Amino acid sequence: MDYITEKLILISLFVFIIHAIETLAYAVRLSGARVKMIASALALFNLMVIISRMANMMQQPFTGSLIDNAPKEHALAFVESQYRIIIGSSTLGTLFGTLLLPTFIALFSRAIIHLSEERGSIPALLKKGFSLTFIRRGMKHIRFPSLSYLKDVRWKDIPVKLFLVNTVITAIYTIGVLSALYASLLAPERASTAIMASGLVNGVATILLVVFIDPKVSVIADDVVNKRGSYLTLKRISLMMVGSRLLGTFVAQILFIPGAQYIAWLTKFIA
């Protein structure tokens, strides 16, 4: 187990937090629909996405350094073991975020209202949110998931195509950087080209998310606010998105090596 180092634990913790934040971002639309303030909710949603993306960029150099510190002998197996632990931490982070959904739906609902009262000032909202008074109030809204939370959720109403698309997108995003870095070991003569391909892979995943997923969920949220749809429908879709995201982290384990092999093959036509 000598491949488990302090740096690997730190990176795994980073990835854990990133995926927990991105999972909790699904609670923002539910909260916005709940208090009928979608536009304000979108501001909070964008803030969370930016924080997770920034954290993801920060951990990339550290993840790459694992290759530099890998032993020359059996480097492929050594790095693969470390990277699979990182992928596993994304699963744990998603699961942790899922468990916190009920709590954060309640907290975000109040945060959206306070953001409106502060006239859209995020710094003012953060100052208020981290005050002792509001922390005490927030503690009262801690809720643990229960089967009653799934009441009236009919899984047969879940759009299968949307579920599968989000699963694939999550899997691609989870392994984008890791597969590109691993590809640099598979094709060391084109290592730089392979590493730079990570931006392309994650970029494609982001575009797919914006084109196929976000608009559909946003329209459903708008329908709730405009009384053309039900909150229960949005809740079903949001839980489906969380479930498909969790499944996507498991699929990432399967696609990790094939993805690296594909990137290594693709660099032949780029270099």
C-alpha atoms as a PDB file:
ATOM      1  CA  MET A   1       0.000   0.000   0.000  1.00  0.00           C
ATOM      2  CA  ASP A   2       3.015   2.299  -0.430  1.00  0.00           C
ATOM      3  CA  TYR A   3       1.238   4.061  -3.284  1.00  0.00           C
ATOM      4  CA  ILE A   4      -1.026   5.747  -0.706  1.00  0.00           C
ATOM      5  CA  THR A   5       0.891   8.909   0.136  1.00  0.00           C
ATOM      6  CA  GLU A   6       0.058  12.149   1.931  1.00  0.00           C
ATOM      7  CA  LYS A   7      -0.157  13.923  -1.432  1.00  0.00           C
ATOM      8  CA  LEU A   8      -2.608  11.325  -2.752  1.00  0.00           C
ATOM      9  CA  ILE A   9      -4.779  11.742   0.344  1.00  0.00           C
ATOM     10  CA  LEU A  10      -4.738  15.532  -0.096  1.00  0.00           C
ATOM     11  CA  ILE A  11      -5.696  15.277  -3.774  1.00  0.00           C
ATOM     12  CA  SER A  12      -8.454  12.780  -2.965  1.00  0.00           C
ATOM     13  CA  LEU A  13      -9.814  15.182  -0.344  1.00  0.00           C
ATOM     14  CA  PHE A  14      -9.803  17.974  -2.935  1.00  0.00           C
ATOM     15  CA  VAL A  15     -11.694  15.802  -5.426  1.00  0.00           C
ATOM     16  CA  PHE A  16     -14.096  14.714  -2.680  1.00  0.00           C
ATOM     17  CA  ILE A  17     -14.967  18.349  -1.933  1.00  0.00           C
ATOM     18  CA  ILE A  18     -15.267  19.237  -5.633  1.00  0.00           C
ATOM     19  CA  HIS A  19     -17.792  16.493  -6.355  1.00  0.00           C
ATOM     20  CA  ALA A  20     -19.721  17.204  -3.155  1.00  0.00           C
ATOM     21  CA  ILE A  21     -20.071  20.863  -4.189  1.00  0.00           C
ATOM     22  CA  GLU A  22     -21.155  19.982  -7.720  1.00  0.00           C
ATOM     23  CA  THR A  23     -23.739  17.549  -6.360  1.00  0.00           C
ATOM     24  CA  LEU A  24     -25.089  20.158  -3.956  1.00  0.00           C
ATOM     25  CA  ALA A  25     -25.432  22.578  -6.870  1.00  0.00           C
ATOM     26  CA  TYR A  26     -28.526  20.577  -7.877  1.00  0.00           C
ATOM     27  CA  ALA A  27     -30.164  21.777  -4.653  1.00  0.00           C
ATOM     28  CA  VAL A  28     -29.972  25.401  -5.812  1.00  0.00           C
ATOM     29  CA  ARG A  29     -32.596  25.030  -8.565  1.00  0.00           C
ATOM     30  CA  LEU A  30     -34.915  23.202  -6.176  1.00  0.00           C
ATOM     31  CA  SER A  31     -34.473  26.005  -3.654  1.00  0.00           C
ATOM     32  CA  GLY A  32     -35.033  28.679  -6.305  1.00  0.00           C
ATOM     33  CA  ALA A  33     -38.270  27.045  -7.445  1.00  0.00           C
ATOM     34  CA  ARG A  34     -39.303  26.622  -3.833  1.00  0.00           C
ATOM     35  CA  VAL A  35     -39.054  30.358  -3.077  1.00  0.00           C
ATOM     36  CA  LYS A  36     -40.037  31.431  -6.639  1.00  0.00           C
ATOM     37  CA  MET A  37     -36.711  33.200  -7.288  1.00  0.00           C
ATOM     38  CA  ILE A  38     -34.977  31.346 -10.116  1.00  0.00           C
ATOM     39  CA  ALA A  39     -32.777  34.237 -11.272  1.00  0.00           C
ATOM     40  CA  SER A  40     -31.306  34.737  -7.793  1.00  0.00           C
ATOM     41  CA  ALA A  41     -30.865  30.982  -7.477  1.00  0.00           C
ATOM     42  CA  LEU A  42     -28.938  30.986 -10.755  1.00  0.00           C
ATOM     43  CA  ALA A  43     -26.451  33.461  -9.252  1.00  0.00           C
ATOM     44  CA  LEU A  44     -25.755  31.054  -6.386  1.00  0.00           C
ATOM     45  CA  PHE A  45     -25.600  28.124  -8.795  1.00  0.00           C
ATOM     46  CA  ASN A  46     -22.988  29.892 -10.936  1.00  0.00           C
ATOM     47  CA  LEU A  47     -20.959  30.732  -7.823  1.00  0.00           C
ATOM     48  CA  MET A  48     -20.843  27.080  -6.781  1.00  0.00           C
ATOM     49  CA  VAL A  49     -19.893  25.944 -10.272  1.00  0.00           C
ATOM     50  CA  ILE A  50     -17.069  28.502 -10.446  1.00  0.00           C
ATOM     51  CA  ILE A  51     -15.758  27.409  -7.036  1.00  0.00           C
ATOM     52  CA  SER A  52     -15.757  23.737  -8.061  1.00  0.00           C
ATOM     53  CA  ARG A  53     -14.095  24.484 -11.415  1.00  0.00           C
ATOM     54  CA  MET A  54     -11.429  26.605  -9.720  1.00  0.00           C
ATOM     55  CA  ALA A  55     -10.782  23.867  -7.160  1.00  0.00           C
ATOM     56  CA  ASN A  56     -10.510  21.367 -10.002  1.00  0.00           C
ATOM     57  CA  MET A  57      -7.888  23.516 -11.742  1.00  0.00           C
ATOM     58  CA  MET A  58      -5.934  23.855  -8.490  1.00  0.00           C
ATOM     59  CA  GLN A  59      -5.670  20.112  -7.938  1.00  0.00           C
ATOM     60  CA  GLN A  60      -4.555  19.281 -11.492  1.00  0.00           C
ATOM     61  CA  PRO A  61      -0.837  20.140 -11.034  1.00  0.00           C
ATOM     62  CA  PHE A  62      -0.714  18.034  -7.857  1.00  0.00           C
ATOM     63  CA  THR A  63      -2.391  15.139  -9.665  1.00  0.00           C
ATOM     64  CA  GLY A  64       0.168  15.425 -12.446  1.00  0.00           C
ATOM     65  CA  SER A  65       3.010  15.348  -9.933  1.00  0.00           C
ATOM     66  CA  LEU A  66       1.992  11.820  -8.951  1.00  0.00           C
ATOM     67  CA  ILE A  67       3.368  10.702 -12.317  1.00  0.00           C
ATOM     68  CA  ASP A  68       6.656  12.522 -11.693  1.00  0.00           C
ATOM     69  CA  ASN A  69       7.039  10.756  -8.348  1.00  0.00           C
ATOM     70  CA  ALA A  70       6.050   7.311  -9.619  1.00  0.00           C
ATOM     71  CA  PRO A  71       8.791   4.633  -9.612  1.00  0.00           C
ATOM     72  CA  LYS A  72      10.319   3.949 -13.016  1.00  0.00           C
ATOM     73  CA  GLU A  73       9.516   0.269 -12.704  1.00  0.00           C
ATOM     74  CA  HIS A  74       5.817  -0.633 -12.827  1.00  0.00           C
ATOM     75  CA  ALA A  75       4.911   3.048 -13.249  1.00  0.00           C
ATOM     76  CA  LEU A  76       1.692   2.228 -15.129  1.00  0.00           C
ATOM     77  CA  ALA A  77       0.314  -0.056 -12.408  1.00  0.00           C
ATOM     78  CA  PHE A  78       1.471   2.328  -9.656  1.00  0.00           C
ATOM     79  CA  VAL A  79      -0.189   5.404 -11.168  1.00  0.00           C
ATOM     80  CA  GLU A  80      -3.325   3.468 -12.116  1.00  0.00           C
ATOM     81  CA  SER A  81      -3.791   2.400  -8.492  1.00  0.00           C
ATOM     82  CA  GLN A  82      -3.424   5.992  -7.294  1.00  0.00           C
ATOM     83  CA  TYR A  83      -5.754   7.404  -9.931  1.00  0.00           C
ATOM     84  CA  ARG A  84      -8.441   4.815  -9.189  1.00  0.00           C
ATOM     85  CA  ILE A  85      -8.380   5.963  -5.562  1.00  0.00           C
ATOM     86  CA  ILE A  86      -8.932   9.535  -6.788  1.00  0.00           C
ATOM     87  CA  ILE A  87     -11.868   8.391  -8.922  1.00  0.00           C
ATOM     88  CA  GLY A  88     -13.205   6.565  -5.866  1.00  0.00           C
ATOM     89  CA  SER A  89     -13.042   9.802  -3.872  1.00  0.00           C
ATOM     90  CA  SER A  90     -15.290  11.422  -6.504  1.00  0.00           C
ATOM     91  CA  THR A  91     -17.869   8.699  -5.794  1.00  0.00           C
ATOM     92  CA  LEU A  92     -17.645   9.323  -2.049  1.00  0.00           C
ATOM     93  CA  GLY A  93     -17.911  13.079  -2.583  1.00  0.00           C
ATOM     94  CA  THR A  94     -21.021  12.653  -4.724  1.00  0.00           C
ATOM     95  CA  LEU A  95     -22.571  10.338  -2.142  1.00  0.00           C
ATOM     96  CA  PHE A  96     -21.754  12.809   0.653  1.00  0.00           C
ATOM     97  CA  GLY A  97     -23.340  15.648  -1.322  1.00  0.00           C
ATOM     98  CA  THR A  98     -26.422  13.502  -1.877  1.00  0.00           C
ATOM     99  CA  LEU A  99     -26.813  12.922   1.854  1.00  0.00           C
ATOM    100  CA  LEU A 100     -26.622  16.689   2.458  1.00  0.00           C
ATOM    101  CA  LEU A 101     -29.231  17.590  -0.195  1.00  0.00           C
ATOM    102  CA  PRO A 102     -32.234  17.980   2.169  1.00  0.00           C
ATOM    103  CA  THR A 103     -30.208  20.226   4.478  1.00  0.00           C
ATOM    104  CA  PHE A 104     -28.845  22.401   1.692  1.00  0.00           C
ATOM    105  CA  ILE A 105     -32.205  22.781  -0.035  1.00  0.00           C
ATOM    106  CA  ALA A 106     -33.457  24.402   3.181  1.00  0.00           C
ATOM    107  CA  LEU A 107     -30.293  26.511   3.600  1.00  0.00           C
ATOM    108  CA  PHE A 108     -30.170  27.632  -0.036  1.00  0.00           C
ATOM    109  CA  SER A 109     -33.835  28.645   0.096  1.00  0.00           C
ATOM    110  CA  ARG A 110     -32.990  31.120   2.845  1.00  0.00           C
ATOM    111  CA  ALA A 111     -29.719  32.138   1.206  1.00  0.00           C
ATOM    112  CA  ILE A 112     -31.566  33.069  -1.995  1.00  0.00           C
ATOM    113  CA  ILE A 113     -33.988  35.252  -0.040  1.00  0.00           C
ATOM    114  CA  HIS A 114     -31.134  36.968   1.798  1.00  0.00           C
ATOM    115  CA  LEU A 115     -29.274  37.467  -1.491  1.00  0.00           C
ATOM    116  CA  SER A 116     -32.306  39.318  -2.800  1.00  0.00           C
ATOM    117  CA  GLU A 117     -32.437  41.438   0.371  1.00  0.00           C
ATOM    118  CA  GLU A 118     -28.754  42.293  -0.098  1.00  0.00           C
ATOM    119  CA  ARG A 119     -29.520  43.391  -3.678  1.00  0.00           C
ATOM    120  CA  GLY A 120     -27.354  40.660  -5.201  1.00  0.00           C
ATOM    121  CA  SER A 121     -24.218  41.321  -3.146  1.00  0.00           C
ATOM    122  CA  ILE A 122     -22.414  38.004  -2.669  1.00  0.00           C
ATOM    123  CA  PRO A 123     -19.849  39.493  -0.187  1.00  0.00           C
ATOM    124  CA  ALA A 124     -22.685  40.884   1.939  1.00  0.00           C
ATOM    125  CA  LEU A 125     -24.448  37.519   1.821  1.00  0.00           C
ATOM    126  CA  LEU A 126     -21.284  35.696   2.904  1.00  0.00           C
ATOM    127  CA  LYS A 127     -20.708  38.187   5.729  1.00  0.00           C
ATOM    128  CA  LYS A 128     -24.236  37.630   6.977  1.00  0.00           C
ATOM    129  CA  GLY A 129     -24.124  33.871   6.428  1.00  0.00           C
ATOM    130  CA  PHE A 130     -20.967  33.368   8.475  1.00  0.00           C
ATOM    131  CA  SER A 131     -22.175  35.436  11.412  1.00  0.00           C
ATOM    132  CA  LEU A 132     -22.790  33.538  14.647  1.00  0.00           C
ATOM    133  CA  THR A 133     -26.520  34.309  14.583  1.00  0.00           C
ATOM    134  CA  PHE A 134     -27.094  32.854  11.137  1.00  0.00           C
ATOM    135  CA  ILE A 135     -24.887  29.842  11.841  1.00  0.00           C
ATOM    136  CA  ARG A 136     -27.092  29.041  14.840  1.00  0.00           C
ATOM    137  CA  ARG A 137     -30.199  29.397  12.687  1.00  0.00           C
ATOM    138  CA  GLY A 138     -28.665  27.201  10.013  1.00  0.00           C
ATOM    139  CA  MET A 139     -28.018  24.423  12.513  1.00  0.00           C
ATOM    140  CA  LYS A 140     -31.765  24.143  13.043  1.00  0.00           C
ATOM    141  CA  HIS A 141     -32.236  23.240   9.369  1.00  0.00           C
ATOM    142  CA  ILE A 142     -29.959  20.205   9.401  1.00  0.00           C
ATOM    143  CA  ARG A 143     -31.971  17.320   8.025  1.00  0.00           C
ATOM    144  CA  PHE A 144     -30.885  13.785   7.386  1.00  0.00           C
ATOM    145  CA  PRO A 145     -32.222  11.936   4.345  1.00  0.00           C
ATOM    146  CA  SER A 146     -35.051   9.496   4.917  1.00  0.00           C
ATOM    147  CA  LEU A 147     -37.301   7.316   2.792  1.00  0.00           C
ATOM    148  CA  SER A 148     -40.060   9.893   3.240  1.00  0.00           C
ATOM    149  CA  TYR A 149     -37.978  12.252   1.092  1.00  0.00           C
ATOM    150  CA  LEU A 150     -38.584   9.867  -1.812  1.00  0.00           C
ATOM    151  CA  LYS A 151     -42.322   9.861  -1.209  1.00  0.00           C
ATOM    152  CA  ASP A 152     -44.390  10.276  -4.397  1.00  0.00           C
ATOM    153  CA  VAL A 153     -41.250  10.001  -6.542  1.00  0.00           C
ATOM    154  CA  ARG A 154     -42.138   7.598  -9.347  1.00  0.00           C
ATOM    155  CA  TRP A 155     -38.991   6.363 -10.993  1.00  0.00           C
ATOM    156  CA  LYS A 156     -40.915   5.274 -14.092  1.00  0.00           C
ATOM    157  CA  ASP A 157     -41.440   8.965 -14.898  1.00  0.00           C
ATOM    158  CA  ILE A 158     -37.683   9.586 -15.074  1.00  0.00           C
ATOM    159  CA  PRO A 159     -36.473  10.333 -18.641  1.00  0.00           C
ATOM    160  CA  VAL A 160     -34.093   7.472 -19.427  1.00  0.00           C
ATOM    161  CA  LYS A 161     -32.188   9.334 -22.164  1.00  0.00           C
ATOM    162  CA  LEU A 162     -31.474  12.294 -19.885  1.00  0.00           C
ATOM    163  CA  PHE A 163     -30.349   9.900 -17.145  1.00  0.00           C
ATOM    164  CA  LEU A 164     -27.942   8.074 -19.458  1.00  0.00           C
ATOM    165  CA  VAL A 165     -26.570  11.259 -21.049  1.00  0.00           C
ATOM    166  CA  ASN A 166     -25.807  12.795 -17.652  1.00  0.00           C
ATOM    167  CA  THR A 167     -24.169   9.543 -16.552  1.00  0.00           C
ATOM    168  CA  VAL A 168     -21.841   9.571 -19.555  1.00  0.00           C
ATOM    169  CA  ILE A 169     -21.048  13.286 -19.194  1.00  0.00           C
ATOM    170  CA  THR A 170     -20.213  12.827 -15.511  1.00  0.00           C
ATOM    171  CA  ALA A 171     -17.965   9.868 -16.312  1.00  0.00           C
ATOM    172  CA  ILE A 172     -16.098  11.854 -18.991  1.00  0.00           C
ATOM    173  CA  TYR A 173     -15.665  14.865 -16.703  1.00  0.00           C
ATOM    174  CA  THR A 174     -14.472  12.673 -13.823  1.00  0.00           C
ATOM    175  CA  ILE A 175     -11.695  10.997 -15.829  1.00  0.00           C
ATOM    176  CA  GLY A 176     -10.856  13.798 -18.278  1.00  0.00           C
ATOM    177  CA  VAL A 177      -7.690  14.975 -16.548  1.00  0.00           C
ATOM    178  CA  LEU A 178      -6.732  11.558 -15.161  1.00  0.00           C
ATOM    179  CA  SER A 179      -6.993   9.745 -18.504  1.00  0.00           C
ATOM    180  CA  ALA A 180      -4.992  12.469 -20.247  1.00  0.00           C
ATOM    181  CA  LEU A 181      -2.229  12.257 -17.641  1.00  0.00           C
ATOM    182  CA  TYR A 182      -2.197   8.462 -17.817  1.00  0.00           C
ATOM    183  CA  ALA A 183      -2.038   8.680 -21.615  1.00  0.00           C
ATOM    184  CA  SER A 184       1.262  10.554 -21.216  1.00  0.00           C
ATOM    185  CA  LEU A 185       2.670   7.329 -19.746  1.00  0.00           C
ATOM    186  CA  LEU A 186       1.233   5.223 -22.555  1.00  0.00           C
ATOM    187  CA  ALA A 187       2.755   7.519 -25.168  1.00  0.00           C
ATOM    188  CA  PRO A 188       5.782   9.136 -23.469  1.00  0.00           C
ATOM    189  CA  GLU A 189       7.100  10.503 -26.780  1.00  0.00           C
ATOM    190  CA  ARG A 190       3.905  12.565 -27.040  1.00  0.00           C
ATOM    191  CA  ALA A 191       3.441  13.215 -23.326  1.00  0.00           C
ATOM    192  CA  SER A 192       2.940  16.977 -23.584  1.00  0.00           C
ATOM    193  CA  THR A 193       0.317  16.587 -26.311  1.00  0.00           C
ATOM    194  CA  ALA A 194      -1.566  14.002 -24.252  1.00  0.00           C
ATOM    195  CA  ILE A 195      -1.551  16.142 -21.101  1.00  0.00           C
ATOM    196  CA  MET A 196      -2.851  19.214 -22.940  1.00  0.00           C
ATOM    197  CA  ALA A 197      -5.712  17.097 -24.306  1.00  0.00           C
ATOM    198  CA  SER A 198      -7.309  17.131 -20.840  1.00  0.00           C
ATOM    199  CA  GLY A 199      -8.669  20.619 -21.483  1.00  0.00           C
ATOM    200  CA  LEU A 200     -10.255  19.416 -24.716  1.00  0.00           C
ATOM    201  CA  VAL A 201     -11.895  16.413 -23.016  1.00  0.00           C
ATOM    202  CA  ASN A 202     -13.308  18.463 -20.144  1.00  0.00           C
ATOM    203  CA  GLY A 203     -14.350  21.174 -22.589  1.00  0.00           C
ATOM    204  CA  VAL A 204     -16.385  18.685 -24.603  1.00  0.00           C
ATOM    205  CA  ALA A 205     -18.013  17.362 -21.407  1.00  0.00           C
ATOM    206  CA  THR A 206     -18.899  20.919 -20.341  1.00  0.00           C
ATOM    207  CA  ILE A 207     -20.410  21.711 -23.751  1.00  0.00           C
ATOM    208  CA  LEU A 208     -22.492  18.527 -23.655  1.00  0.00           C
ATOM    209  CA  LEU A 209     -23.704  19.464 -20.182  1.00  0.00           C
ATOM    210  CA  VAL A 210     -24.698  22.975 -21.270  1.00  0.00           C
ATOM    211  CA  VAL A 211     -26.386  21.785 -24.476  1.00  0.00           C
ATOM    212  CA  PHE A 212     -28.233  18.662 -23.328  1.00  0.00           C
ATOM    213  CA  ILE A 213     -28.738  18.875 -19.552  1.00  0.00           C
ATOM    214  CA  ASP A 214     -28.890  22.400 -18.112  1.00  0.00           C
ATOM    215  CA  PRO A 215     -31.556  23.796 -20.497  1.00  0.00           C
ATOM    216  CA  LYS A 216     -34.003  20.963 -19.773  1.00  0.00           C
ATOM    217  CA  VAL A 217     -33.682  21.271 -16.007  1.00  0.00           C
ATOM    218  CA  SER A 218     -33.891  25.081 -16.198  1.00  0.00           C
ATOM    219  CA  VAL A 219     -37.115  24.945 -18.241  1.00  0.00           C
ATOM    220  CA  ILE A 220     -38.683  22.566 -15.707  1.00  0.00           C
ATOM    221  CA  ALA A 221     -37.683  24.951 -12.893  1.00  0.00           C
ATOM    222  CA  ASP A 222     -39.235  27.886 -14.778  1.00  0.00           C
ATOM    223  CA  ASP A 223     -42.436  25.885 -15.265  1.00  0.00           C
ATOM    224  CA  VAL A 224     -42.678  25.411 -11.495  1.00  0.00           C
ATOM    225  CA  VAL A 225     -42.315  29.146 -10.850  1.00  0.00           C
ATOM    226  CA  ASN A 226     -44.833  30.004 -13.584  1.00  0.00           C
ATOM    227  CA  LYS A 227     -47.270  27.357 -12.281  1.00  0.00           C
ATOM    228  CA  ARG A 228     -47.092  25.338 -15.490  1.00  0.00           C
ATOM    229  CA  GLY A 229     -45.386  22.427 -13.737  1.00  0.00           C
ATOM    230  CA  SER A 230     -45.128  20.872 -10.296  1.00  0.00           C
ATOM    231  CA  TYR A 231     -42.348  21.067  -7.744  1.00  0.00           C
ATOM    232  CA  LEU A 232     -42.560  17.289  -7.465  1.00  0.00           C
ATOM    233  CA  THR A 233     -41.560  16.927 -11.125  1.00  0.00           C
ATOM    234  CA  LEU A 234     -38.509  19.118 -10.571  1.00  0.00           C
ATOM    235  CA  LYS A 235     -37.686  17.102  -7.470  1.00  0.00           C
ATOM    236  CA  ARG A 236     -37.861  13.867  -9.456  1.00  0.00           C
ATOM    237  CA  ILE A 237     -35.589  15.251 -12.158  1.00  0.00           C
ATOM    238  CA  SER A 238     -33.100  16.606  -9.607  1.00  0.00           C
ATOM    239  CA  LEU A 239     -32.917  13.290  -7.761  1.00  0.00           C
ATOM    240  CA  MET A 240     -32.495  11.562 -11.115  1.00  0.00           C
ATOM    241  CA  MET A 241     -29.604  13.909 -11.945  1.00  0.00           C
ATOM    242  CA  VAL A 242     -27.940  13.145  -8.629  1.00  0.00           C
ATOM    243  CA  GLY A 243     -28.434   9.411  -9.154  1.00  0.00           C
ATOM    244  CA  SER A 244     -27.023   9.527 -12.674  1.00  0.00           C
ATOM    245  CA  ARG A 245     -24.091  11.577 -11.415  1.00  0.00           C
ATOM    246  CA  LEU A 246     -23.333   8.939  -8.784  1.00  0.00           C
ATOM    247  CA  LEU A 247     -23.571   6.196 -11.397  1.00  0.00           C
ATOM    248  CA  GLY A 248     -21.293   8.233 -13.666  1.00  0.00           C
ATOM    249  CA  THR A 249     -18.484   8.090 -11.105  1.00  0.00           C
ATOM    250  CA  PHE A 250     -18.700   4.278 -11.163  1.00  0.00           C
ATOM    251  CA  VAL A 251     -18.715   4.246 -14.962  1.00  0.00           C
ATOM    252  CA  ALA A 252     -15.603   6.437 -14.798  1.00  0.00           C
ATOM    253  CA  GLN A 253     -13.714   3.512 -13.260  1.00  0.00           C
ATOM    254  CA  ILE A 254     -14.575   1.446 -16.343  1.00  0.00           C
ATOM    255  CA  LEU A 255     -13.744   4.172 -18.876  1.00  0.00           C
ATOM    256  CA  PHE A 256     -10.513   5.342 -17.238  1.00  0.00           C
ATOM    257  CA  ILE A 257      -8.052   3.060 -19.085  1.00  0.00           C
ATOM    258  CA  PRO A 258      -9.956   2.951 -22.432  1.00  0.00           C
ATOM    259  CA  GLY A 259     -10.153   6.764 -22.277  1.00  0.00           C
ATOM    260  CA  ALA A 260      -6.395   7.015 -21.726  1.00  0.00           C
ATOM    261  CA  GLN A 261      -5.744   4.604 -24.600  1.00  0.00           C
ATOM    262  CA  TYR A 262      -7.996   6.632 -26.886  1.00  0.00           C
ATOM    263  CA  ILE A 263      -6.239   9.894 -25.998  1.00  0.00           C
ATOM    264  CA  ALA A 264      -2.833   8.249 -26.547  1.00  0.00           C
ATOM    265  CA  TRP A 265      -4.011   7.025 -29.967  1.00  0.00           C
ATOM    266  CA  LEU A 266      -5.471  10.428 -30.839  1.00  0.00           C
ATOM    267  CA  THR A 267      -2.173  12.199 -30.154  1.00  0.00           C
ATOM    268  CA  LYS A 268      -0.702  10.417 -33.194  1.00  0.00           C
ATOM    269  CA  PHE A 269      -2.775  12.721 -35.403  1.00  0.00           C
ATOM    270  CA  ILE A 270      -2.050  15.866 -33.384  1.00  0.00           C
ATOM    271  CA  ALA A 271       1.669  15.663 -32.668  1.00  0.00           C
END
